[in-house]
Protein backbone atom coordinates (compact mmCIF):
# COMPACT_ATOMS: atom_id res chain seq x y z
CA MET A 1 80.65 -5.56 -20.85
CA LYS A 2 78.42 -3.63 -18.45
CA VAL A 3 76.39 -2.24 -21.35
CA PHE A 4 75.74 -5.72 -22.75
CA ARG A 5 74.83 -7.00 -19.27
CA VAL A 6 72.29 -4.18 -18.81
CA LEU A 7 70.74 -4.82 -22.24
CA TRP A 8 70.54 -8.54 -21.47
CA LEU A 9 68.75 -7.91 -18.15
CA ALA A 10 66.38 -5.40 -19.81
CA GLN A 11 65.47 -7.96 -22.45
CA ILE A 12 64.67 -10.56 -19.79
CA VAL A 13 62.45 -8.09 -17.92
CA PHE A 14 60.67 -7.17 -21.17
CA TRP A 15 59.84 -10.80 -21.97
CA ILE A 16 58.65 -11.48 -18.43
CA ILE A 17 56.27 -8.49 -18.63
CA ALA A 18 55.09 -9.60 -22.08
CA LEU A 19 54.35 -13.10 -20.78
CA LEU A 20 52.38 -11.65 -17.84
CA PHE A 21 50.23 -9.51 -20.14
CA ALA A 22 49.67 -12.49 -22.45
CA SER A 23 48.48 -14.66 -19.55
CA VAL A 24 46.10 -11.91 -18.39
CA ALA A 25 44.74 -11.55 -21.93
CA ARG A 26 44.15 -15.31 -22.13
CA ALA A 27 42.41 -15.28 -18.74
CA ASP A 28 40.02 -12.50 -19.84
CA GLU A 29 37.57 -14.26 -22.13
CA GLY A 30 35.43 -11.15 -22.65
CA HIS A 31 32.18 -10.32 -20.88
CA VAL A 32 28.44 -10.94 -21.09
CA ASP A 33 25.93 -8.21 -20.27
CA VAL A 34 22.88 -9.21 -18.21
CA LEU A 35 19.49 -7.43 -18.08
CA ARG A 36 16.67 -8.09 -15.60
CA VAL A 37 13.02 -7.94 -16.74
CA ASP A 38 10.62 -8.46 -13.83
CA GLY A 39 6.94 -7.58 -14.22
CA ILE A 40 4.60 -6.44 -16.96
CA ILE A 41 5.99 -5.95 -20.46
CA ASN A 42 5.34 -2.27 -21.21
CA PRO A 43 7.02 0.63 -23.07
CA VAL A 44 9.46 1.19 -20.20
CA VAL A 45 10.69 -2.41 -20.40
CA ALA A 46 10.89 -2.18 -24.20
CA GLY A 47 13.06 0.92 -23.91
CA TYR A 48 15.24 -0.75 -21.28
CA VAL A 49 15.83 -3.83 -23.45
CA ASP A 50 16.63 -1.65 -26.47
CA ARG A 51 19.14 0.32 -24.39
CA GLY A 52 20.68 -2.88 -23.03
CA ILE A 53 21.15 -4.47 -26.45
CA SER A 54 22.64 -1.25 -27.85
CA THR A 55 25.04 -1.02 -24.91
CA ALA A 56 26.11 -4.66 -25.32
CA GLU A 57 26.71 -4.15 -29.04
CA ARG A 58 28.70 -0.98 -28.37
CA ASP A 59 30.93 -2.33 -25.58
CA GLY A 60 31.80 -5.56 -27.39
CA ALA A 61 29.94 -8.05 -25.19
CA ARG A 62 30.11 -11.70 -26.25
CA ALA A 63 26.34 -12.06 -25.66
CA LEU A 64 23.41 -10.49 -23.85
CA VAL A 65 21.35 -12.37 -21.27
CA ILE A 66 17.82 -11.23 -20.39
CA GLU A 67 16.66 -12.69 -17.08
CA MET A 68 12.88 -12.79 -17.28
CA ASN A 69 9.91 -13.19 -14.96
CA THR A 70 6.70 -11.81 -16.47
CA PRO A 71 2.94 -12.53 -16.55
CA GLY A 72 2.76 -10.89 -19.99
CA GLY A 73 2.09 -7.37 -21.17
CA LEU A 74 1.25 -5.13 -24.09
CA ASP A 75 1.44 -6.45 -27.64
CA THR A 76 3.14 -3.31 -29.00
CA SER A 77 5.90 -3.43 -26.37
CA MET A 78 6.38 -7.18 -26.90
CA ARG A 79 6.80 -6.72 -30.64
CA ALA A 80 9.26 -3.86 -30.11
CA ILE A 81 11.42 -6.13 -27.93
CA ILE A 82 11.23 -9.01 -30.41
CA PHE A 83 12.11 -6.70 -33.32
CA ARG A 84 15.21 -5.54 -31.42
CA ILE A 85 16.27 -9.11 -30.63
CA LEU A 86 15.83 -10.26 -34.23
CA ASN A 87 18.05 -7.41 -35.43
CA ALA A 88 20.67 -7.63 -32.68
CA GLN A 89 24.32 -7.82 -33.72
CA LEU A 90 25.18 -10.30 -30.94
CA PRO A 91 23.53 -13.44 -29.50
CA VAL A 92 20.62 -12.69 -27.14
CA ILE A 93 19.85 -15.34 -24.51
CA VAL A 94 16.46 -15.14 -22.78
CA TYR A 95 16.56 -16.94 -19.43
CA VAL A 96 13.51 -17.55 -17.21
CA TYR A 97 15.13 -17.08 -13.82
CA PRO A 98 15.15 -17.52 -10.81
CA SER A 99 13.15 -20.56 -9.67
CA GLY A 100 9.45 -19.76 -9.44
CA SER A 101 9.55 -17.37 -12.39
CA ARG A 102 7.46 -17.62 -15.55
CA ALA A 103 7.39 -16.46 -19.14
CA ALA A 104 3.67 -16.20 -19.78
CA SER A 105 1.75 -14.56 -22.62
CA ALA A 106 4.07 -11.91 -24.14
CA GLY A 107 6.99 -13.55 -22.32
CA ALA A 108 6.47 -16.79 -24.27
CA PHE A 109 6.71 -14.90 -27.58
CA ILE A 110 9.94 -13.19 -26.45
CA MET A 111 11.35 -16.58 -25.44
CA GLN A 112 10.74 -17.97 -28.92
CA SER A 113 12.52 -15.00 -30.51
CA ALA A 114 15.71 -15.52 -28.50
CA HIS A 115 18.82 -16.91 -30.16
CA VAL A 116 19.13 -19.16 -27.10
CA ALA A 117 16.08 -19.86 -24.89
CA ALA A 118 16.77 -21.13 -21.38
CA MET A 119 14.88 -21.82 -18.17
CA ALA A 120 15.87 -22.37 -14.56
CA PRO A 121 14.46 -25.30 -12.50
CA ASN A 122 10.88 -24.86 -11.25
CA THR A 123 9.91 -22.30 -13.88
CA SER A 124 7.18 -22.32 -16.54
CA MET A 125 6.36 -20.98 -19.99
CA GLY A 126 3.12 -20.68 -21.97
CA SER A 127 -0.42 -19.22 -21.76
CA ALA A 128 0.30 -17.16 -24.87
CA HIS A 129 -3.30 -16.63 -26.02
CA PRO A 130 -3.59 -12.94 -27.00
CA VAL A 131 -5.16 -10.57 -24.46
CA LEU A 132 -8.22 -9.00 -26.09
CA MET A 133 -8.69 -5.32 -25.40
CA GLY A 134 -12.32 -4.46 -24.77
CA GLN A 135 -13.33 -7.92 -23.57
CA SER A 136 -15.53 -7.74 -20.49
CA GLN A 137 -14.20 -8.87 -17.16
CA PRO A 138 -16.24 -10.86 -14.63
CA GLY A 139 -18.94 -8.61 -13.27
CA GLN A 140 -18.17 -5.91 -15.83
CA ASP A 141 -20.85 -6.36 -18.47
CA GLU A 142 -20.54 -2.69 -19.39
CA SER A 143 -17.54 -3.45 -21.62
CA PRO A 144 -18.47 -4.74 -25.10
CA ARG A 145 -17.04 -8.15 -25.94
CA PRO A 146 -15.26 -8.51 -29.30
CA ASP A 147 -17.14 -10.63 -31.83
CA ASP A 148 -15.97 -14.10 -32.78
CA ASP A 149 -14.54 -12.97 -36.12
CA MET A 150 -12.31 -10.40 -34.41
CA ILE A 151 -11.16 -12.95 -31.82
CA ALA A 152 -10.30 -15.39 -34.61
CA LYS A 153 -8.34 -12.73 -36.53
CA VAL A 154 -6.31 -11.71 -33.50
CA THR A 155 -5.62 -15.33 -32.55
CA ASN A 156 -4.58 -16.34 -36.07
CA ASP A 157 -2.26 -13.34 -36.27
CA ALA A 158 -0.62 -14.33 -32.99
CA VAL A 159 -0.31 -17.95 -34.12
CA SER A 160 1.44 -17.03 -37.36
CA TYR A 161 3.77 -14.70 -35.47
CA ILE A 162 4.90 -17.21 -32.83
CA LYS A 163 5.19 -20.03 -35.40
CA GLY A 164 7.48 -17.85 -37.48
CA LEU A 165 9.66 -17.12 -34.45
CA ALA A 166 9.86 -20.79 -33.45
CA ASP A 167 10.68 -21.82 -37.03
CA ILE A 168 13.63 -19.46 -37.51
CA ARG A 169 15.08 -20.70 -34.19
CA GLY A 170 14.54 -24.36 -35.04
CA ARG A 171 12.09 -25.00 -32.20
CA ASN A 172 8.81 -26.91 -31.93
CA VAL A 173 6.38 -25.01 -34.15
CA GLU A 174 3.36 -27.17 -33.20
CA TRP A 175 3.90 -26.58 -29.49
CA ALA A 176 4.32 -22.85 -30.09
CA GLU A 177 0.93 -22.84 -31.83
CA ARG A 178 -0.68 -24.69 -28.91
CA MET A 179 0.64 -22.09 -26.47
CA VAL A 180 -1.45 -19.51 -28.33
CA ARG A 181 -4.56 -21.47 -29.34
CA GLU A 182 -4.93 -23.59 -26.18
CA SER A 183 -3.02 -21.45 -23.64
CA VAL A 184 -1.02 -24.52 -22.60
CA ASN A 185 1.90 -24.28 -20.16
CA ALA A 186 5.03 -26.34 -19.68
CA THR A 187 7.69 -26.69 -17.01
CA GLU A 188 11.34 -26.30 -17.85
CA LYS A 189 11.80 -30.08 -18.26
CA GLU A 190 8.71 -30.41 -20.45
CA SER A 191 9.79 -27.42 -22.53
CA LEU A 192 13.23 -28.95 -23.08
CA ASP A 193 11.74 -32.33 -24.05
CA LEU A 194 9.34 -30.58 -26.45
CA ASN A 195 12.19 -28.64 -28.06
CA ALA A 196 10.50 -25.39 -27.04
CA ILE A 197 13.72 -24.19 -25.34
CA ASP A 198 17.42 -24.99 -25.68
CA ILE A 199 18.86 -25.13 -22.17
CA VAL A 200 17.93 -25.82 -18.55
CA ALA A 201 20.46 -24.16 -16.25
CA ASP A 202 20.64 -23.61 -12.49
CA ASP A 203 22.30 -20.19 -12.71
CA ILE A 204 24.07 -17.75 -15.02
CA PRO A 205 27.52 -19.44 -14.96
CA SER A 206 25.92 -22.79 -15.82
CA LEU A 207 23.90 -21.12 -18.58
CA LEU A 208 26.99 -19.51 -20.14
CA ALA A 209 28.90 -22.79 -20.01
CA GLN A 210 26.10 -24.69 -21.78
CA ALA A 211 25.48 -21.96 -24.35
CA ASP A 212 29.16 -21.77 -25.36
CA GLY A 213 29.86 -23.17 -28.80
CA ARG A 214 26.28 -23.10 -30.09
CA GLN A 215 25.74 -21.78 -33.60
CA VAL A 216 23.05 -19.09 -33.75
CA LYS A 217 21.64 -17.07 -36.62
CA LEU A 218 22.04 -13.29 -36.40
CA ALA A 219 20.82 -10.81 -38.97
CA ALA A 220 24.34 -10.87 -40.47
CA GLY A 221 24.55 -14.69 -40.59
CA MET A 222 25.56 -17.69 -38.48
CA VAL A 223 27.96 -17.07 -35.57
CA PRO A 224 29.19 -19.18 -32.63
CA VAL A 225 28.24 -18.30 -29.07
CA GLN A 226 31.45 -17.64 -27.09
CA THR A 227 30.49 -17.34 -23.44
CA ALA A 228 32.78 -19.78 -21.63
CA ASN A 229 34.51 -18.10 -18.65
CA ALA A 230 33.07 -14.73 -19.67
CA ARG A 231 32.72 -12.05 -17.04
CA ILE A 232 29.17 -11.12 -16.02
CA VAL A 233 28.32 -7.41 -16.25
CA ARG A 234 24.86 -6.42 -15.02
CA LEU A 235 23.04 -3.56 -16.73
CA ASP A 236 20.21 -2.77 -14.31
CA MET A 237 17.43 -0.28 -14.94
CA ASN A 238 18.48 3.24 -14.07
CA PHE A 239 16.52 5.27 -11.50
CA ILE A 240 14.20 6.87 -14.07
CA GLU A 241 13.41 3.52 -15.71
CA GLN A 242 12.72 1.90 -12.34
CA PHE A 243 10.44 4.77 -11.30
CA LEU A 244 8.49 4.81 -14.57
CA HIS A 245 8.17 1.01 -14.49
CA ILE A 246 6.70 1.17 -10.97
CA ILE A 247 4.11 3.84 -11.77
CA SER A 248 3.08 2.03 -14.97
CA ASP A 249 1.26 -0.46 -12.77
CA PRO A 250 -2.55 -0.01 -13.24
CA ASN A 251 -3.11 0.20 -9.48
CA ILE A 252 -0.52 2.96 -9.10
CA ALA A 253 -1.96 4.85 -12.08
CA TYR A 254 -5.46 4.61 -10.61
CA ILE A 255 -4.34 5.87 -7.19
CA LEU A 256 -2.30 8.71 -8.71
CA LEU A 257 -5.36 9.82 -10.72
CA PHE A 258 -7.51 10.04 -7.59
CA LEU A 259 -4.78 11.59 -5.45
CA GLY A 260 -4.00 14.28 -8.02
CA THR A 261 -7.63 15.21 -8.64
CA ASN A 262 -8.46 15.36 -4.91
CA ALA A 263 -5.43 17.52 -4.20
CA ILE A 264 -6.22 20.03 -6.95
CA ILE A 265 -9.88 20.30 -5.91
CA TYR A 266 -8.80 20.91 -2.31
CA GLU A 267 -6.50 23.68 -3.55
CA LEU A 268 -9.43 25.23 -5.46
CA ALA A 269 -11.69 24.96 -2.41
CA SER A 270 -9.04 26.46 -0.13
CA PRO A 271 -6.91 28.85 -2.24
CA GLY A 272 -3.43 29.65 -1.02
CA SER A 273 -2.58 26.22 0.39
CA ILE A 274 -0.05 25.77 -2.47
CA LEU A 275 1.23 22.31 -1.39
CA PRO A 276 -1.96 20.42 -2.40
CA GLY A 277 -1.88 22.16 -5.78
CA VAL A 278 1.75 21.20 -6.41
CA VAL A 279 1.19 17.60 -5.31
CA GLY A 280 -1.98 17.42 -7.39
CA VAL A 281 -0.39 18.61 -10.63
CA ILE A 282 2.60 16.25 -10.25
CA SER A 283 0.34 13.29 -9.41
CA LEU A 284 -1.96 13.97 -12.38
CA LEU A 285 0.96 14.27 -14.82
CA LEU A 286 2.39 10.96 -13.58
CA ALA A 287 -1.08 9.39 -13.78
CA PHE A 288 -1.48 10.55 -17.40
CA TYR A 289 1.92 9.09 -18.28
CA SER A 290 1.05 5.80 -16.62
CA LEU A 291 -2.40 5.61 -18.23
CA GLY A 292 -0.73 6.27 -21.59
CA THR A 293 1.17 2.98 -21.23
CA LEU A 294 -2.00 1.01 -20.39
CA PRO A 295 -5.09 -0.09 -22.37
CA VAL A 296 -7.51 2.56 -21.09
CA ASN A 297 -11.24 2.77 -21.85
CA TYR A 298 -11.80 6.51 -22.17
CA VAL A 299 -15.52 6.19 -21.42
CA GLY A 300 -14.55 4.86 -17.99
CA LEU A 301 -12.07 7.69 -17.53
CA ALA A 302 -14.76 10.23 -18.54
CA LEU A 303 -17.16 8.77 -15.97
CA ILE A 304 -14.56 9.26 -13.23
CA VAL A 305 -14.01 12.89 -14.30
CA PHE A 306 -17.81 13.41 -14.34
CA ALA A 307 -17.98 11.99 -10.81
CA PHE A 308 -15.56 14.65 -9.56
CA ILE A 309 -17.64 17.34 -11.28
CA LEU A 310 -20.73 16.09 -9.43
CA PHE A 311 -18.84 16.14 -6.13
CA ILE A 312 -17.86 19.78 -6.67
CA ALA A 313 -21.44 20.65 -7.63
CA GLU A 314 -22.67 19.05 -4.39
CA ILE A 315 -20.45 21.38 -2.39
CA LYS A 316 -21.65 24.42 -4.35
CA VAL A 317 -25.41 23.84 -4.43
CA GLN A 318 -25.98 21.54 -1.41
CA SER A 319 -28.38 19.08 -3.10
CA SER A 320 -28.90 17.03 0.09
CA GLY A 321 -26.71 14.20 -1.23
CA VAL A 322 -28.32 13.69 -4.67
CA LEU A 323 -25.29 14.88 -6.61
CA LEU A 324 -22.95 13.10 -4.19
CA GLY A 325 -24.77 9.80 -4.75
CA GLY A 326 -24.64 10.28 -8.52
CA GLY A 327 -20.92 11.00 -8.30
CA ILE A 328 -20.26 7.83 -6.31
CA LEU A 329 -22.22 5.75 -8.83
CA ALA A 330 -20.37 7.32 -11.80
CA MET A 331 -17.03 6.77 -10.07
CA VAL A 332 -17.74 3.09 -9.38
CA LEU A 333 -18.91 2.44 -12.96
CA GLY A 334 -15.96 4.33 -14.42
CA SER A 335 -13.49 2.44 -12.25
CA MET A 336 -14.96 -0.89 -13.31
CA ILE A 337 -14.53 -0.28 -17.04
CA MET A 338 -11.52 2.07 -17.10
CA MET A 339 -9.00 -0.71 -17.85
CA ASN A 340 -10.07 -1.96 -21.27
CA THR A 341 -8.72 -5.52 -21.06
CA ASP A 342 -9.47 -8.99 -19.73
CA ALA A 343 -5.91 -9.52 -18.42
CA PRO A 344 -5.93 -9.66 -14.60
CA TYR A 345 -2.46 -8.15 -14.33
CA LEU A 346 -3.65 -5.06 -16.27
CA SER A 347 -6.88 -4.53 -14.32
CA VAL A 348 -7.70 -2.73 -11.07
CA PRO A 349 -8.99 -5.08 -8.31
CA TRP A 350 -12.16 -4.42 -6.33
CA THR A 351 -10.21 -3.75 -3.15
CA THR A 352 -8.40 -0.81 -4.75
CA ILE A 353 -11.62 0.54 -6.29
CA ALA A 354 -13.48 0.32 -2.98
CA GLY A 355 -10.67 2.06 -1.10
CA ALA A 356 -10.34 4.86 -3.67
CA VAL A 357 -14.08 5.51 -4.00
CA GLY A 358 -14.70 5.34 -0.26
CA GLY A 359 -11.74 7.55 0.56
CA THR A 360 -12.68 10.12 -2.08
CA SER A 361 -16.29 10.25 -0.88
CA LEU A 362 -15.21 10.86 2.70
CA PHE A 363 -12.71 13.44 1.50
CA PHE A 364 -15.42 15.46 -0.24
CA ILE A 365 -17.95 15.09 2.57
CA PHE A 366 -15.64 16.18 5.37
CA VAL A 367 -12.40 17.82 4.22
CA VAL A 368 -13.52 19.82 1.19
CA GLY A 369 -16.88 20.56 2.78
CA LYS A 370 -15.20 21.99 5.88
CA ALA A 371 -12.82 24.07 3.78
CA ARG A 372 -15.70 25.48 1.77
CA ALA A 373 -17.68 26.30 4.92
CA ALA A 374 -14.66 28.09 6.36
CA LEU A 375 -14.41 30.29 3.27
CA GLN A 376 -18.11 31.16 3.51
CA ARG A 377 -17.98 31.90 7.26
CA GLN A 378 -18.17 35.58 8.20
CA ALA A 379 -14.91 37.16 9.32
CA VAL A 380 -14.60 37.69 13.08
CA THR A 381 -11.50 39.91 13.13
CA GLY A 382 -10.49 43.22 11.55
CA ARG A 383 -12.86 45.75 10.03
CA GLU A 384 -14.99 43.01 8.41
CA GLY A 385 -15.42 41.39 11.80
CA LEU A 386 -17.25 44.49 13.12
CA ILE A 387 -20.16 44.03 10.72
CA GLY A 388 -23.10 42.56 12.66
CA ALA A 389 -21.46 43.12 16.06
CA ILE A 390 -23.67 44.32 18.97
CA GLY A 391 -22.72 47.41 20.99
CA GLU A 392 -24.33 50.02 23.26
CA ALA A 393 -25.06 53.68 22.59
CA LYS A 394 -23.16 55.73 25.20
CA THR A 395 -24.73 58.98 24.04
CA ASP A 396 -27.87 59.84 22.19
CA LEU A 397 -27.46 59.15 18.48
CA ALA A 398 -29.25 62.05 16.78
CA PRO A 399 -28.07 60.83 14.38
CA GLU A 400 -24.37 61.06 15.45
CA GLY A 401 -22.92 60.07 18.78
CA THR A 402 -20.69 57.55 20.58
CA VAL A 403 -21.05 53.77 20.83
CA LEU A 404 -19.25 51.30 23.11
CA LEU A 405 -18.26 48.23 21.06
CA GLN A 406 -15.99 45.38 22.18
CA GLY A 407 -14.64 47.53 25.02
CA GLU A 408 -13.81 50.51 22.78
CA ARG A 409 -15.58 53.82 22.10
CA TRP A 410 -16.45 54.48 18.46
CA SER A 411 -17.98 57.39 16.61
CA ALA A 412 -21.31 56.23 15.26
CA LEU A 413 -23.95 57.37 12.82
CA CYS A 414 -27.53 56.14 13.24
CA GLU A 415 -29.27 55.06 10.01
CA ASP A 416 -32.83 54.73 11.35
CA GLY A 417 -33.66 58.02 13.11
CA GLN A 418 -32.58 58.70 16.69
CA ILE A 419 -31.41 56.16 19.26
CA PRO A 420 -31.30 57.13 22.97
CA ALA A 421 -28.26 56.43 25.15
CA GLY A 422 -28.15 52.93 26.72
CA THR A 423 -29.83 51.28 23.72
CA ARG A 424 -28.30 48.16 22.15
CA VAL A 425 -27.23 48.76 18.57
CA ARG A 426 -26.02 46.58 15.67
CA VAL A 427 -23.22 47.62 13.31
CA VAL A 428 -24.39 47.48 9.68
CA GLY A 429 -21.45 49.17 7.98
CA LEU A 430 -18.34 51.31 8.19
CA GLN A 431 -17.65 54.79 6.86
CA GLY A 432 -13.98 55.40 7.45
CA PHE A 433 -13.66 55.10 11.26
CA THR A 434 -17.33 55.83 11.85
CA LEU A 435 -19.75 52.96 12.54
CA LEU A 436 -23.06 52.84 10.73
CA VAL A 437 -25.56 51.43 13.25
CA ARG A 438 -29.17 50.55 13.71
CA LYS A 439 -31.23 49.63 16.75
CA ALA A 440 -30.54 45.98 17.63
């Protein structure tokens, strides 16, 4: 009887535990991974989105949400992100969030590629006319402007691309074309009314609730979005991605270029400092990486390098400011045309240019100039410091004798005949511990 009673109790405990696990399993409706894209669309962001989608596919996420706030970015990075979204193995939701955010230019294209496009209140989308590399900026007539045929080709290519994206997602193709041709913008309510987006949601939970049950087209076919009650797992940029994203800003790249070059030139002007050389090399390498992610006009970059060469030449030959003035002019012109684009978020403002050029000019005039003068100054200590020093002959130098110099008696050898005792003499050389002197 006791054995049957124990088995009966064990069976009850087993079913209770099984029911508990079943309830937990029902409560866990899976998870949704969330990325955050804030700023210019560049290769770092493209790599981050690719990593996020791959992680979501690998860990079995129900969907991936990309929170977005961007003024636009590079065409190559935008297309890399769109390509990854189109070939994703799970639904990708692009969400303009939080309030005050925008999906402009490249961001509008990415929105149209999303399986589900959503916006938060008080956000906007549009201004998707392609940024033309090489188009002159206000006050920068040095940059050649693309001809009308090239502008038309680029625009038509962008139009066909965004229309194709809107069509496969069942959105307003005509409005998508207007975003490119006319650079029109729309609020979240207008975008929803125009069928340019799918959802307006206050926050992520509201977004997931509204997205649940929608049928979306993946590369493998139609699937339902299952996001109701899903856990939210954030996949933020790692430290390296955050750092590279920060320095990919054109202002940071410009400052790193000037900082690195100034530091290396200071090291060359004052050998042995070590720290300026290390800082300079690191800054230049980071600047080169950053410039590699930006649309750079290499003529402008060459002018800036030439300006530094003129600054160094001014220190060497002392041209009374002619070379320095030429260097400042070359640096200003190079800075104006270095960023080969008409996009304001990819250009360097006048305030940054003025600060960098002014600071560099002062650096060369005072800091490097002083360091160079110190290297050229005659030594005042040790054996070298005795050359040119004035002493007094304590005995007749005929031609050998004794000289009093800096409070010490020295053996001396006269190089210009005989010098009587009490005569002031100048040291012109050393021969071992014997001074070579002449009459002062």
